[in-house]
Amino acid sequence: MPKVTAQGKTFECEQGSNLRQVLLTNGIDVYNGKAKVINCTGIGTCGTCAVQVEGEVSEASWTEKTRLKLPPHSPKQNRRLSCQTQVLGDVVVTKFDGFWGQGDQTVWTPQG
């Protein structure tokens, strides 16, 4: 079973699990500020669950790539929408600041 490391916690999930669901189920908040209330609930249109992911995950879909090309996101940021990402192997997840998680400062890192 793949291991997910985020916010100083490591937990296991089934291969192919949705990253957003895995994080939320394990008490990791993927949203910043008011995005906790105002978000698309996982359909990939708002872009507020963006995280940096290191490890084995699914390829980004056309929908995800398109959303991450729109401001305030940028393809140069190397972010993924957690709601559109399937966990295929061990991963390390980092969340950044900003309403959409598009900032440069970490909100939480794998180790804390």
C-alpha atoms as a PDB file:
ATOM      1  CA  MET A   1       0.000   0.000   0.000  1.00  0.00           C
ATOM      2  CA  PRO A   2       1.318   3.451  -0.874  1.00  0.00           C
ATOM      3  CA  LYS A   3       2.371   5.804   1.913  1.00  0.00           C
ATOM      4  CA  VAL A   4       1.411   9.476   1.914  1.00  0.00           C
ATOM      5  CA  THR A   5       3.462  11.945   3.964  1.00  0.00           C
ATOM      6  CA  ALA A   6       1.986  15.379   4.704  1.00  0.00           C
ATOM      7  CA  GLN A   7       1.998  17.836   7.601  1.00  0.00           C
ATOM      8  CA  GLY A   8       4.294  15.658   9.688  1.00  0.00           C
ATOM      9  CA  LYS A   9       2.066  12.594   9.328  1.00  0.00           C
ATOM     10  CA  THR A  10       2.506   9.417   7.295  1.00  0.00           C
ATOM     11  CA  PHE A  11      -0.420   7.158   6.471  1.00  0.00           C
ATOM     12  CA  GLU A  12      -1.271   4.426   3.986  1.00  0.00           C
ATOM     13  CA  CYS A  13      -3.952   4.320   1.314  1.00  0.00           C
ATOM     14  CA  GLU A  14      -5.105   2.033  -1.460  1.00  0.00           C
ATOM     15  CA  GLN A  15      -3.252   2.375  -4.758  1.00  0.00           C
ATOM     16  CA  GLY A  16      -5.304   4.624  -7.056  1.00  0.00           C
ATOM     17  CA  SER A  17      -6.907   6.557  -4.186  1.00  0.00           C
ATOM     18  CA  ASN A  18      -7.841  10.191  -4.729  1.00  0.00           C
ATOM     19  CA  LEU A  19      -5.209  12.350  -3.006  1.00  0.00           C
ATOM     20  CA  ARG A  20      -7.690  14.984  -1.773  1.00  0.00           C
ATOM     21  CA  GLN A  21      -9.869  12.334  -0.156  1.00  0.00           C
ATOM     22  CA  VAL A  22      -6.863  10.617   1.429  1.00  0.00           C
ATOM     23  CA  LEU A  23      -5.621  13.891   2.908  1.00  0.00           C
ATOM     24  CA  LEU A  24      -9.024  14.961   4.233  1.00  0.00           C
ATOM     25  CA  THR A  25      -9.749  11.511   5.666  1.00  0.00           C
ATOM     26  CA  ASN A  26      -6.489  11.694   7.607  1.00  0.00           C
ATOM     27  CA  GLY A  27      -7.117  15.160   9.048  1.00  0.00           C
ATOM     28  CA  ILE A  28      -5.005  17.145   6.581  1.00  0.00           C
ATOM     29  CA  ASP A  29      -6.762  20.327   5.419  1.00  0.00           C
ATOM     30  CA  VAL A  30      -6.019  20.932   1.736  1.00  0.00           C
ATOM     31  CA  TYR A  31      -7.598  24.408   1.653  1.00  0.00           C
ATOM     32  CA  ASN A  32      -6.314  27.809   2.785  1.00  0.00           C
ATOM     33  CA  GLY A  33      -8.455  30.474   4.453  1.00  0.00           C
ATOM     34  CA  LYS A  34     -11.935  30.939   2.990  1.00  0.00           C
ATOM     35  CA  ALA A  35     -11.255  28.240   0.401  1.00  0.00           C
ATOM     36  CA  LYS A  36     -12.228  25.844   3.205  1.00  0.00           C
ATOM     37  CA  VAL A  37     -15.794  27.025   2.609  1.00  0.00           C
ATOM     38  CA  ILE A  38     -15.653  28.231  -0.996  1.00  0.00           C
ATOM     39  CA  ASN A  39     -14.365  25.383  -3.186  1.00  0.00           C
ATOM     40  CA  CYS A  40     -15.644  23.059  -5.900  1.00  0.00           C
ATOM     41  CA  THR A  41     -15.740  20.031  -3.535  1.00  0.00           C
ATOM     42  CA  GLY A  42     -13.370  18.041  -5.682  1.00  0.00           C
ATOM     43  CA  ILE A  43     -14.522  18.382  -9.283  1.00  0.00           C
ATOM     44  CA  GLY A  44     -11.352  20.190 -10.392  1.00  0.00           C
ATOM     45  CA  THR A  45     -12.726  23.559 -11.416  1.00  0.00           C
ATOM     46  CA  CYS A  46     -11.692  25.930  -8.626  1.00  0.00           C
ATOM     47  CA  GLY A  47      -7.995  25.104  -8.217  1.00  0.00           C
ATOM     48  CA  THR A  48      -7.925  25.754  -4.453  1.00  0.00           C
ATOM     49  CA  CYS A  49      -6.607  22.298  -3.479  1.00  0.00           C
ATOM     50  CA  ALA A  50      -3.295  22.767  -5.313  1.00  0.00           C
ATOM     51  CA  VAL A  51      -0.328  21.067  -3.671  1.00  0.00           C
ATOM     52  CA  GLN A  52       3.200  20.050  -4.574  1.00  0.00           C
ATOM     53  CA  VAL A  53       3.498  16.274  -4.866  1.00  0.00           C
ATOM     54  CA  GLU A  54       6.701  14.274  -5.018  1.00  0.00           C
ATOM     55  CA  GLY A  55       6.357  10.599  -5.833  1.00  0.00           C
ATOM     56  CA  GLU A  56       4.302   8.301  -7.984  1.00  0.00           C
ATOM     57  CA  VAL A  57       0.922   9.739  -8.976  1.00  0.00           C
ATOM     58  CA  SER A  58      -1.364   9.711 -12.008  1.00  0.00           C
ATOM     59  CA  GLU A  59      -0.668  11.886 -15.024  1.00  0.00           C
ATOM     60  CA  ALA A  60      -2.449  15.240 -15.015  1.00  0.00           C
ATOM     61  CA  SER A  61      -5.639  15.230 -17.080  1.00  0.00           C
ATOM     62  CA  TRP A  62      -6.453  17.840 -19.707  1.00  0.00           C
ATOM     63  CA  THR A  63      -8.883  19.463 -17.243  1.00  0.00           C
ATOM     64  CA  GLU A  64      -6.256  19.708 -14.515  1.00  0.00           C
ATOM     65  CA  LYS A  65      -3.559  21.019 -16.856  1.00  0.00           C
ATOM     66  CA  THR A  66      -5.952  23.651 -18.182  1.00  0.00           C
ATOM     67  CA  ARG A  67      -6.958  24.847 -14.687  1.00  0.00           C
ATOM     68  CA  LEU A  68      -3.345  25.047 -13.560  1.00  0.00           C
ATOM     69  CA  LYS A  69      -2.481  27.225 -16.585  1.00  0.00           C
ATOM     70  CA  LEU A  70      -5.013  29.863 -15.490  1.00  0.00           C
ATOM     71  CA  PRO A  71      -4.022  32.649 -13.075  1.00  0.00           C
ATOM     72  CA  PRO A  72      -3.125  32.746 -10.312  1.00  0.00           C
ATOM     73  CA  HIS A  73      -1.593  29.339 -11.050  1.00  0.00           C
ATOM     74  CA  SER A  74       1.314  28.822 -13.404  1.00  0.00           C
ATOM     75  CA  PRO A  75       2.658  25.654 -15.037  1.00  0.00           C
ATOM     76  CA  LYS A  76       6.091  26.694 -13.716  1.00  0.00           C
ATOM     77  CA  GLN A  77       4.937  26.134 -10.118  1.00  0.00           C
ATOM     78  CA  ASN A  78       4.890  22.330 -10.410  1.00  0.00           C
ATOM     79  CA  ARG A  79       1.607  21.981  -8.506  1.00  0.00           C
ATOM     80  CA  ARG A  80      -1.159  19.411  -8.789  1.00  0.00           C
ATOM     81  CA  LEU A  81      -4.832  19.597  -7.895  1.00  0.00           C
ATOM     82  CA  SER A  82      -5.181  17.071  -5.103  1.00  0.00           C
ATOM     83  CA  CYS A  83      -8.775  16.371  -6.172  1.00  0.00           C
ATOM     84  CA  GLN A  84      -7.600  15.234  -9.610  1.00  0.00           C
ATOM     85  CA  THR A  85      -4.570  13.218  -8.504  1.00  0.00           C
ATOM     86  CA  GLN A  86      -4.519   9.478  -7.857  1.00  0.00           C
ATOM     87  CA  VAL A  87      -1.871   8.033  -5.543  1.00  0.00           C
ATOM     88  CA  LEU A  88       0.041   5.243  -7.323  1.00  0.00           C
ATOM     89  CA  GLY A  89       3.024   4.890  -4.972  1.00  0.00           C
ATOM     90  CA  ASP A  90       4.637   6.611  -1.994  1.00  0.00           C
ATOM     91  CA  VAL A  91       4.202  10.393  -2.097  1.00  0.00           C
ATOM     92  CA  VAL A  92       5.280  13.475  -0.159  1.00  0.00           C
ATOM     93  CA  VAL A  93       2.862  16.428  -0.205  1.00  0.00           C
ATOM     94  CA  THR A  94       3.542  20.123   0.524  1.00  0.00           C
ATOM     95  CA  LYS A  95       0.914  22.902   0.723  1.00  0.00           C
ATOM     96  CA  PHE A  96       1.683  26.545  -0.099  1.00  0.00           C
ATOM     97  CA  ASP A  97       0.045  29.828   0.910  1.00  0.00           C
ATOM     98  CA  GLY A  98      -2.478  31.857  -1.050  1.00  0.00           C
ATOM     99  CA  PHE A  99      -6.194  31.254  -1.546  1.00  0.00           C
ATOM    100  CA  TRP A 100      -5.458  28.796  -4.369  1.00  0.00           C
ATOM    101  CA  GLY A 101      -2.288  27.374  -2.813  1.00  0.00           C
ATOM    102  CA  GLN A 102      -0.334  29.250  -5.463  1.00  0.00           C
ATOM    103  CA  GLY A 103       2.032  31.134  -3.134  1.00  0.00           C
ATOM    104  CA  ASP A 104       5.723  30.700  -2.429  1.00  0.00           C
ATOM    105  CA  GLN A 105       5.584  30.190   1.345  1.00  0.00           C
ATOM    106  CA  THR A 106       4.766  26.769   2.736  1.00  0.00           C
ATOM    107  CA  VAL A 107       1.633  26.449   4.867  1.00  0.00           C
ATOM    108  CA  TRP A 108       2.634  22.954   5.850  1.00  0.00           C
ATOM    109  CA  THR A 109       5.433  20.710   4.764  1.00  0.00           C
ATOM    110  CA  PRO A 110       5.865  16.959   4.907  1.00  0.00           C
ATOM    111  CA  GLN A 111       7.666  17.216   8.251  1.00  0.00           C
ATOM    112  CA  GLY A 112       5.556  19.835   9.998  1.00  0.00           C
END
